[in-house]
Amino acid sequence: MKTALSAMVVLAAVAVAVPVSAVSSWAGSGLSATDQEAAEFVSHMPAAAWAEAPSDTLAPDPREIPGLLESEEGRARGLEGIRARAGELSGRRATLWIQLLAVAEKGGPEAGALAARALLHADDDAAARGAQLIREGLEGAAAEDRPALLALAAHLLDGPDPSEAAELRARLLELAPDAPEAPEAALRLARYLAGPGNDPQRAEELLEELVVGAPNHPVAPTARQLLNEIRRDR
């Protein structure tokens, strides 16, 4: 029988959205991510991604994960390794591995392996190199996997290069405006444009499209709040 991941219990009743109320159950689990940040990262994740591998199975070394994800026989063990790694970490680093789990769970073997290699770079304090790896390998991934890869690359660049992260999110929205990753990407892009990006008008447009087009999405309340702040400061 499969159980919820012990370090981050999330009860999701739908296939593609995790409500903020569910994400709030992370409190006290050892993760420092806020409800808002966690919801933005995992709102598009399938509930199946949270299933934990049997506890009597030894998880693989994280460096083995890309190769495992590339093979049909090793995929389940690769996913097990991602879950185990996420459970070992906290805060932003754990959240990135959770996002990798979403990419690997719903994507093809090429996308999962590429994302895992990128995240291993981030674990070695080379997040920008990891994002570059995704950019270089994007064309080799299936078209339906590219939005999730772009979203992960943007998250890797939030610290070292916010402007490049914004460009990747803009590319994601142009490439696949209806992708599950699009609402979270639109919110984060708008947040950047309202601040250092110095384009509050475009930020307002993005937020308006988000709250009208996806009013029940987990990030919609944050989008409305940011939209009101932009309008108030005009």
C-alpha atoms as a PDB file:
ATOM      1  CA  MET A   1       0.000   0.000   0.000  1.00  0.00           C
ATOM      2  CA  LYS A   2       1.283   3.447  -0.884  1.00  0.00           C
ATOM      3  CA  THR A   3       1.491   6.074   1.834  1.00  0.00           C
ATOM      4  CA  ALA A   4       1.913   9.845   1.799  1.00  0.00           C
ATOM      5  CA  LEU A   5       5.474  11.165   1.776  1.00  0.00           C
ATOM      6  CA  SER A   6       6.299  11.253   5.483  1.00  0.00           C
ATOM      7  CA  ALA A   7       8.137  14.595   5.450  1.00  0.00           C
ATOM      8  CA  MET A   8       5.388  16.496   3.611  1.00  0.00           C
ATOM      9  CA  VAL A   9       1.882  15.103   3.862  1.00  0.00           C
ATOM     10  CA  VAL A  10      -0.369  16.549   1.156  1.00  0.00           C
ATOM     11  CA  LEU A  11      -3.911  15.247   0.727  1.00  0.00           C
ATOM     12  CA  ALA A  12      -4.954  16.211  -2.812  1.00  0.00           C
ATOM     13  CA  ALA A  13      -8.400  15.235  -4.026  1.00  0.00           C
ATOM     14  CA  VAL A  14      -7.893  16.449  -7.570  1.00  0.00           C
ATOM     15  CA  ALA A  15      -5.411  15.379 -10.207  1.00  0.00           C
ATOM     16  CA  VAL A  16      -3.777  18.662 -11.122  1.00  0.00           C
ATOM     17  CA  ALA A  17      -4.207  21.157  -8.292  1.00  0.00           C
ATOM     18  CA  VAL A  18      -3.118  21.279  -4.659  1.00  0.00           C
ATOM     19  CA  PRO A  19      -5.119  23.868  -2.692  1.00  0.00           C
ATOM     20  CA  VAL A  20      -3.435  26.209  -0.257  1.00  0.00           C
ATOM     21  CA  SER A  21      -5.331  24.577   2.605  1.00  0.00           C
ATOM     22  CA  ALA A  22      -3.660  21.259   1.786  1.00  0.00           C
ATOM     23  CA  VAL A  23      -0.228  22.779   1.419  1.00  0.00           C
ATOM     24  CA  SER A  24      -0.596  24.366   4.856  1.00  0.00           C
ATOM     25  CA  SER A  25      -0.330  20.877   6.324  1.00  0.00           C
ATOM     26  CA  TRP A  26       3.416  21.179   5.731  1.00  0.00           C
ATOM     27  CA  ALA A  27       3.642  23.292   8.899  1.00  0.00           C
ATOM     28  CA  GLY A  28       5.763  21.460  11.407  1.00  0.00           C
ATOM     29  CA  SER A  29       7.095  19.011   8.819  1.00  0.00           C
ATOM     30  CA  GLY A  30      10.565  20.552   8.823  1.00  0.00           C
ATOM     31  CA  LEU A  31      10.039  22.567   5.638  1.00  0.00           C
ATOM     32  CA  SER A  32      10.412  26.318   5.824  1.00  0.00           C
ATOM     33  CA  ALA A  33       8.554  27.202   2.617  1.00  0.00           C
ATOM     34  CA  THR A  34       5.493  29.380   3.169  1.00  0.00           C
ATOM     35  CA  ASP A  35       2.024  28.318   2.068  1.00  0.00           C
ATOM     36  CA  GLN A  36       2.198  30.834  -0.778  1.00  0.00           C
ATOM     37  CA  GLU A  37       5.549  29.637  -2.106  1.00  0.00           C
ATOM     38  CA  ALA A  38       4.656  25.993  -1.756  1.00  0.00           C
ATOM     39  CA  ALA A  39       1.328  26.468  -3.511  1.00  0.00           C
ATOM     40  CA  GLU A  40       3.004  28.258  -6.386  1.00  0.00           C
ATOM     41  CA  PHE A  41       5.501  25.423  -6.828  1.00  0.00           C
ATOM     42  CA  VAL A  42       3.218  22.419  -6.537  1.00  0.00           C
ATOM     43  CA  SER A  43      -0.188  23.710  -7.646  1.00  0.00           C
ATOM     44  CA  HIS A  44       0.129  21.865 -10.959  1.00  0.00           C
ATOM     45  CA  MET A  45       1.394  18.576  -9.520  1.00  0.00           C
ATOM     46  CA  PRO A  46      -0.618  15.367  -9.969  1.00  0.00           C
ATOM     47  CA  ALA A  47      -1.710  13.783  -6.730  1.00  0.00           C
ATOM     48  CA  ALA A  48      -0.030  10.537  -7.821  1.00  0.00           C
ATOM     49  CA  ALA A  49       3.334  12.260  -7.563  1.00  0.00           C
ATOM     50  CA  TRP A  50       3.108  12.206  -3.770  1.00  0.00           C
ATOM     51  CA  ALA A  51       2.932   8.421  -3.495  1.00  0.00           C
ATOM     52  CA  GLU A  52       5.862   7.069  -1.519  1.00  0.00           C
ATOM     53  CA  ALA A  53       7.885   4.011  -2.465  1.00  0.00           C
ATOM     54  CA  PRO A  54       7.906   1.065  -0.052  1.00  0.00           C
ATOM     55  CA  SER A  55       9.864   1.993   3.063  1.00  0.00           C
ATOM     56  CA  ASP A  56      11.886  -1.242   2.978  1.00  0.00           C
ATOM     57  CA  THR A  57      13.557  -0.218  -0.296  1.00  0.00           C
ATOM     58  CA  LEU A  58      16.921   1.524  -0.097  1.00  0.00           C
ATOM     59  CA  ALA A  59      16.801   4.790  -2.051  1.00  0.00           C
ATOM     60  CA  PRO A  60      19.429   5.278  -4.750  1.00  0.00           C
ATOM     61  CA  ASP A  61      22.193   7.836  -4.585  1.00  0.00           C
ATOM     62  CA  PRO A  62      20.940  11.154  -6.062  1.00  0.00           C
ATOM     63  CA  ARG A  63      23.673  10.959  -8.716  1.00  0.00           C
ATOM     64  CA  GLU A  64      22.099   7.756 -10.038  1.00  0.00           C
ATOM     65  CA  ILE A  65      18.683   9.343 -10.550  1.00  0.00           C
ATOM     66  CA  PRO A  66      19.146  10.784 -14.089  1.00  0.00           C
ATOM     67  CA  GLY A  67      20.263   7.427 -15.477  1.00  0.00           C
ATOM     68  CA  LEU A  68      17.457   5.600 -13.698  1.00  0.00           C
ATOM     69  CA  LEU A  69      14.824   7.937 -15.083  1.00  0.00           C
ATOM     70  CA  GLU A  70      16.051   7.294 -18.619  1.00  0.00           C
ATOM     71  CA  SER A  71      15.257   3.572 -18.445  1.00  0.00           C
ATOM     72  CA  GLU A  72      11.864   1.921 -18.234  1.00  0.00           C
ATOM     73  CA  GLU A  73      13.186  -0.543 -15.673  1.00  0.00           C
ATOM     74  CA  GLY A  74      14.792   2.113 -13.470  1.00  0.00           C
ATOM     75  CA  ARG A  75      12.114   4.819 -13.574  1.00  0.00           C
ATOM     76  CA  ALA A  76      10.267   3.720 -10.428  1.00  0.00           C
ATOM     77  CA  ARG A  77      13.535   3.590  -8.503  1.00  0.00           C
ATOM     78  CA  GLY A  78      14.473   7.016  -9.846  1.00  0.00           C
ATOM     79  CA  LEU A  79      11.201   8.478  -8.605  1.00  0.00           C
ATOM     80  CA  GLU A  80      11.824   6.812  -5.253  1.00  0.00           C
ATOM     81  CA  GLY A  81      15.197   8.551  -5.118  1.00  0.00           C
ATOM     82  CA  ILE A  82      13.635  11.944  -5.796  1.00  0.00           C
ATOM     83  CA  ARG A  83      11.095  11.466  -2.998  1.00  0.00           C
ATOM     84  CA  ALA A  84      13.821  10.397  -0.612  1.00  0.00           C
ATOM     85  CA  ARG A  85      15.993  13.382  -1.504  1.00  0.00           C
ATOM     86  CA  ALA A  86      13.090  15.802  -1.025  1.00  0.00           C
ATOM     87  CA  GLY A  87      12.458  14.301   2.394  1.00  0.00           C
ATOM     88  CA  GLU A  88      16.078  14.868   3.407  1.00  0.00           C
ATOM     89  CA  LEU A  89      16.070  18.567   2.535  1.00  0.00           C
ATOM     90  CA  SER A  90      14.158  21.632   3.724  1.00  0.00           C
ATOM     91  CA  GLY A  91      12.937  24.978   2.448  1.00  0.00           C
ATOM     92  CA  ARG A  92      13.658  26.024  -1.121  1.00  0.00           C
ATOM     93  CA  ARG A  93      15.941  23.055  -1.847  1.00  0.00           C
ATOM     94  CA  ALA A  94      13.235  20.586  -0.876  1.00  0.00           C
ATOM     95  CA  THR A  95      10.696  22.486  -2.949  1.00  0.00           C
ATOM     96  CA  LEU A  96      12.914  22.235  -6.035  1.00  0.00           C
ATOM     97  CA  TRP A  97      13.139  18.466  -5.631  1.00  0.00           C
ATOM     98  CA  ILE A  98       9.372  18.317  -5.263  1.00  0.00           C
ATOM     99  CA  GLN A  99       9.082  20.190  -8.541  1.00  0.00           C
ATOM    100  CA  LEU A 100      11.517  17.732 -10.111  1.00  0.00           C
ATOM    101  CA  LEU A 101       9.198  14.956  -8.942  1.00  0.00           C
ATOM    102  CA  ALA A 102       6.358  16.600 -10.873  1.00  0.00           C
ATOM    103  CA  VAL A 103       8.472  16.852 -14.029  1.00  0.00           C
ATOM    104  CA  ALA A 104       9.652  13.256 -13.794  1.00  0.00           C
ATOM    105  CA  GLU A 105       6.235  11.881 -12.810  1.00  0.00           C
ATOM    106  CA  LYS A 106       4.276  13.328 -15.711  1.00  0.00           C
ATOM    107  CA  GLY A 107       7.028  13.784 -18.316  1.00  0.00           C
ATOM    108  CA  GLY A 108       9.004  11.538 -20.600  1.00  0.00           C
ATOM    109  CA  PRO A 109      12.331   9.917 -19.720  1.00  0.00           C
ATOM    110  CA  GLU A 110      14.358  12.609 -21.516  1.00  0.00           C
ATOM    111  CA  ALA A 111      12.671  15.433 -19.600  1.00  0.00           C
ATOM    112  CA  GLY A 112      12.999  13.709 -16.241  1.00  0.00           C
ATOM    113  CA  ALA A 113      16.670  12.904 -16.729  1.00  0.00           C
ATOM    114  CA  LEU A 114      17.449  16.423 -17.974  1.00  0.00           C
ATOM    115  CA  ALA A 115      15.673  18.027 -15.017  1.00  0.00           C
ATOM    116  CA  ALA A 116      17.434  15.725 -12.559  1.00  0.00           C
ATOM    117  CA  ARG A 117      20.867  16.563 -13.985  1.00  0.00           C
ATOM    118  CA  ALA A 118      20.033  20.257 -13.741  1.00  0.00           C
ATOM    119  CA  LEU A 119      18.988  19.927 -10.119  1.00  0.00           C
ATOM    120  CA  LEU A 120      22.156  18.054  -9.208  1.00  0.00           C
ATOM    121  CA  HIS A 121      24.054  21.134 -10.411  1.00  0.00           C
ATOM    122  CA  ALA A 122      21.902  23.262  -8.095  1.00  0.00           C
ATOM    123  CA  ASP A 123      22.745  20.959  -5.199  1.00  0.00           C
ATOM    124  CA  ASP A 124      26.393  21.719  -5.961  1.00  0.00           C
ATOM    125  CA  ASP A 125      25.702  25.475  -5.735  1.00  0.00           C
ATOM    126  CA  ALA A 126      25.720  25.809  -9.533  1.00  0.00           C
ATOM    127  CA  ALA A 127      22.051  26.606 -10.149  1.00  0.00           C
ATOM    128  CA  ALA A 128      22.815  28.797 -13.172  1.00  0.00           C
ATOM    129  CA  ARG A 129      24.674  25.906 -14.797  1.00  0.00           C
ATOM    130  CA  GLY A 130      21.687  23.676 -14.131  1.00  0.00           C
ATOM    131  CA  ALA A 131      19.372  26.161 -15.828  1.00  0.00           C
ATOM    132  CA  GLN A 132      21.755  26.399 -18.774  1.00  0.00           C
ATOM    133  CA  LEU A 133      21.686  22.616 -19.070  1.00  0.00           C
ATOM    134  CA  ILE A 134      17.909  22.736 -19.418  1.00  0.00           C
ATOM    135  CA  ARG A 135      18.085  25.481 -22.031  1.00  0.00           C
ATOM    136  CA  GLU A 136      20.601  23.481 -24.048  1.00  0.00           C
ATOM    137  CA  GLY A 137      18.537  20.289 -23.881  1.00  0.00           C
ATOM    138  CA  LEU A 138      15.071  21.774 -24.293  1.00  0.00           C
ATOM    139  CA  GLU A 139      14.706  20.976 -27.991  1.00  0.00           C
ATOM    140  CA  GLY A 140      15.474  17.330 -27.304  1.00  0.00           C
ATOM    141  CA  ALA A 141      12.530  17.020 -24.932  1.00  0.00           C
ATOM    142  CA  ALA A 142       8.967  16.314 -26.000  1.00  0.00           C
ATOM    143  CA  ALA A 143       6.953  19.464 -26.736  1.00  0.00           C
ATOM    144  CA  GLU A 144       4.498  18.733 -23.926  1.00  0.00           C
ATOM    145  CA  ASP A 145       7.373  18.530 -21.402  1.00  0.00           C
ATOM    146  CA  ARG A 146       8.980  21.867 -22.267  1.00  0.00           C
ATOM    147  CA  PRO A 147       6.756  24.141 -20.116  1.00  0.00           C
ATOM    148  CA  ALA A 148       7.622  22.174 -16.965  1.00  0.00           C
ATOM    149  CA  LEU A 149      11.316  22.252 -17.853  1.00  0.00           C
ATOM    150  CA  LEU A 150      11.210  26.003 -18.456  1.00  0.00           C
ATOM    151  CA  ALA A 151       9.440  26.489 -15.123  1.00  0.00           C
ATOM    152  CA  LEU A 152      12.130  24.515 -13.306  1.00  0.00           C
ATOM    153  CA  ALA A 153      14.933  26.409 -15.062  1.00  0.00           C
ATOM    154  CA  ALA A 154      13.317  29.708 -14.085  1.00  0.00           C
ATOM    155  CA  HIS A 155      13.137  28.630 -10.441  1.00  0.00           C
ATOM    156  CA  LEU A 156      16.817  27.722 -10.530  1.00  0.00           C
ATOM    157  CA  LEU A 157      17.628  31.234 -11.766  1.00  0.00           C
ATOM    158  CA  ASP A 158      15.473  33.148  -9.271  1.00  0.00           C
ATOM    159  CA  GLY A 159      18.510  33.665  -7.064  1.00  0.00           C
ATOM    160  CA  PRO A 160      21.492  34.032  -9.409  1.00  0.00           C
ATOM    161  CA  ASP A 161      19.773  35.774 -12.349  1.00  0.00           C
ATOM    162  CA  PRO A 162      16.193  37.047 -11.785  1.00  0.00           C
ATOM    163  CA  SER A 163      16.061  38.826 -15.145  1.00  0.00           C
ATOM    164  CA  GLU A 164      16.873  35.604 -16.999  1.00  0.00           C
ATOM    165  CA  ALA A 165      14.311  33.773 -14.871  1.00  0.00           C
ATOM    166  CA  ALA A 166      11.740  36.346 -16.015  1.00  0.00           C
ATOM    167  CA  GLU A 167      12.708  35.801 -19.655  1.00  0.00           C
ATOM    168  CA  LEU A 168      12.228  32.047 -19.290  1.00  0.00           C
ATOM    169  CA  ARG A 169       8.787  32.560 -17.764  1.00  0.00           C
ATOM    170  CA  ALA A 170       7.835  34.897 -20.591  1.00  0.00           C
ATOM    171  CA  ARG A 171       8.970  32.211 -23.028  1.00  0.00           C
ATOM    172  CA  LEU A 172       6.882  29.618 -21.189  1.00  0.00           C
ATOM    173  CA  LEU A 173       3.772  31.790 -21.411  1.00  0.00           C
ATOM    174  CA  GLU A 174       4.351  32.409 -25.118  1.00  0.00           C
ATOM    175  CA  LEU A 175       5.033  28.738 -25.818  1.00  0.00           C
ATOM    176  CA  ALA A 176       2.190  27.246 -23.773  1.00  0.00           C
ATOM    177  CA  PRO A 177      -0.221  29.786 -22.232  1.00  0.00           C
ATOM    178  CA  ASP A 178      -2.598  27.008 -21.192  1.00  0.00           C
ATOM    179  CA  ALA A 179       0.025  24.765 -19.586  1.00  0.00           C
ATOM    180  CA  PRO A 180      -0.470  23.768 -15.932  1.00  0.00           C
ATOM    181  CA  GLU A 181       2.698  25.715 -15.104  1.00  0.00           C
ATOM    182  CA  ALA A 182       1.447  28.935 -16.738  1.00  0.00           C
ATOM    183  CA  PRO A 183      -0.470  30.530 -13.807  1.00  0.00           C
ATOM    184  CA  GLU A 184       2.438  30.238 -11.399  1.00  0.00           C
ATOM    185  CA  ALA A 185       4.827  31.486 -14.090  1.00  0.00           C
ATOM    186  CA  ALA A 186       2.561  34.466 -14.815  1.00  0.00           C
ATOM    187  CA  LEU A 187       2.398  35.406 -11.136  1.00  0.00           C
ATOM    188  CA  ARG A 188       6.154  35.246 -10.665  1.00  0.00           C
ATOM    189  CA  LEU A 189       6.795  37.142 -13.891  1.00  0.00           C
ATOM    190  CA  ALA A 190       4.322  39.830 -12.836  1.00  0.00           C
ATOM    191  CA  ARG A 191       5.985  40.082  -9.442  1.00  0.00           C
ATOM    192  CA  TYR A 192       9.333  40.691 -11.165  1.00  0.00           C
ATOM    193  CA  LEU A 193       7.902  43.212 -13.632  1.00  0.00           C
ATOM    194  CA  ALA A 194       6.183  45.131 -10.843  1.00  0.00           C
ATOM    195  CA  GLY A 195       9.553  45.488  -9.099  1.00  0.00           C
ATOM    196  CA  PRO A 196      13.022  45.280 -10.632  1.00  0.00           C
ATOM    197  CA  GLY A 197      11.620  44.668 -14.129  1.00  0.00           C
ATOM    198  CA  ASN A 198      10.124  48.163 -14.035  1.00  0.00           C
ATOM    199  CA  ASP A 199       7.074  47.383 -16.166  1.00  0.00           C
ATOM    200  CA  PRO A 200       4.042  47.613 -13.867  1.00  0.00           C
ATOM    201  CA  GLN A 201       1.677  47.979 -16.809  1.00  0.00           C
ATOM    202  CA  ARG A 202       2.664  44.600 -18.236  1.00  0.00           C
ATOM    203  CA  ALA A 203       2.548  43.137 -14.726  1.00  0.00           C
ATOM    204  CA  GLU A 204      -1.006  44.410 -14.349  1.00  0.00           C
ATOM    205  CA  GLU A 205      -1.988  42.856 -17.686  1.00  0.00           C
ATOM    206  CA  LEU A 206      -0.582  39.483 -16.688  1.00  0.00           C
ATOM    207  CA  LEU A 207      -2.354  39.521 -13.355  1.00  0.00           C
ATOM    208  CA  GLU A 208      -5.668  40.551 -14.880  1.00  0.00           C
ATOM    209  CA  GLU A 209      -5.428  37.667 -17.350  1.00  0.00           C
ATOM    210  CA  LEU A 210      -4.611  35.295 -14.509  1.00  0.00           C
ATOM    211  CA  VAL A 211      -7.432  36.236 -12.143  1.00  0.00           C
ATOM    212  CA  VAL A 212      -9.988  36.267 -14.984  1.00  0.00           C
ATOM    213  CA  GLY A 213      -8.760  33.133 -16.731  1.00  0.00           C
ATOM    214  CA  ALA A 214      -8.049  31.020 -13.632  1.00  0.00           C
ATOM    215  CA  PRO A 215     -10.040  32.534 -10.745  1.00  0.00           C
ATOM    216  CA  ASN A 216      -9.988  29.313  -8.705  1.00  0.00           C
ATOM    217  CA  HIS A 217      -6.319  28.505  -9.146  1.00  0.00           C
ATOM    218  CA  PRO A 218      -4.320  28.298  -5.878  1.00  0.00           C
ATOM    219  CA  VAL A 219      -2.201  31.324  -6.868  1.00  0.00           C
ATOM    220  CA  ALA A 220      -5.216  33.500  -7.795  1.00  0.00           C
ATOM    221  CA  PRO A 221      -5.595  35.096  -4.308  1.00  0.00           C
ATOM    222  CA  THR A 222      -1.950  36.170  -4.354  1.00  0.00           C
ATOM    223  CA  ALA A 223      -2.395  37.493  -7.885  1.00  0.00           C
ATOM    224  CA  ARG A 224      -5.405  39.580  -6.816  1.00  0.00           C
ATOM    225  CA  GLN A 225      -3.480  40.990  -3.874  1.00  0.00           C
ATOM    226  CA  LEU A 226      -0.519  41.965  -6.065  1.00  0.00           C
ATOM    227  CA  LEU A 227      -2.839  43.457  -8.672  1.00  0.00           C
ATOM    228  CA  ASN A 228      -4.495  45.637  -6.022  1.00  0.00           C
ATOM    229  CA  GLU A 229      -1.089  46.778  -4.764  1.00  0.00           C
ATOM    230  CA  ILE A 230       0.018  47.788  -8.269  1.00  0.00           C
ATOM    231  CA  ARG A 231      -3.191  49.728  -8.869  1.00  0.00           C
ATOM    232  CA  ARG A 232      -2.932  51.431  -5.498  1.00  0.00           C
ATOM    233  CA  ASP A 233       0.640  52.569  -6.202  1.00  0.00           C
ATOM    234  CA  ARG A 234      -0.100  54.050  -9.621  1.00  0.00           C
END
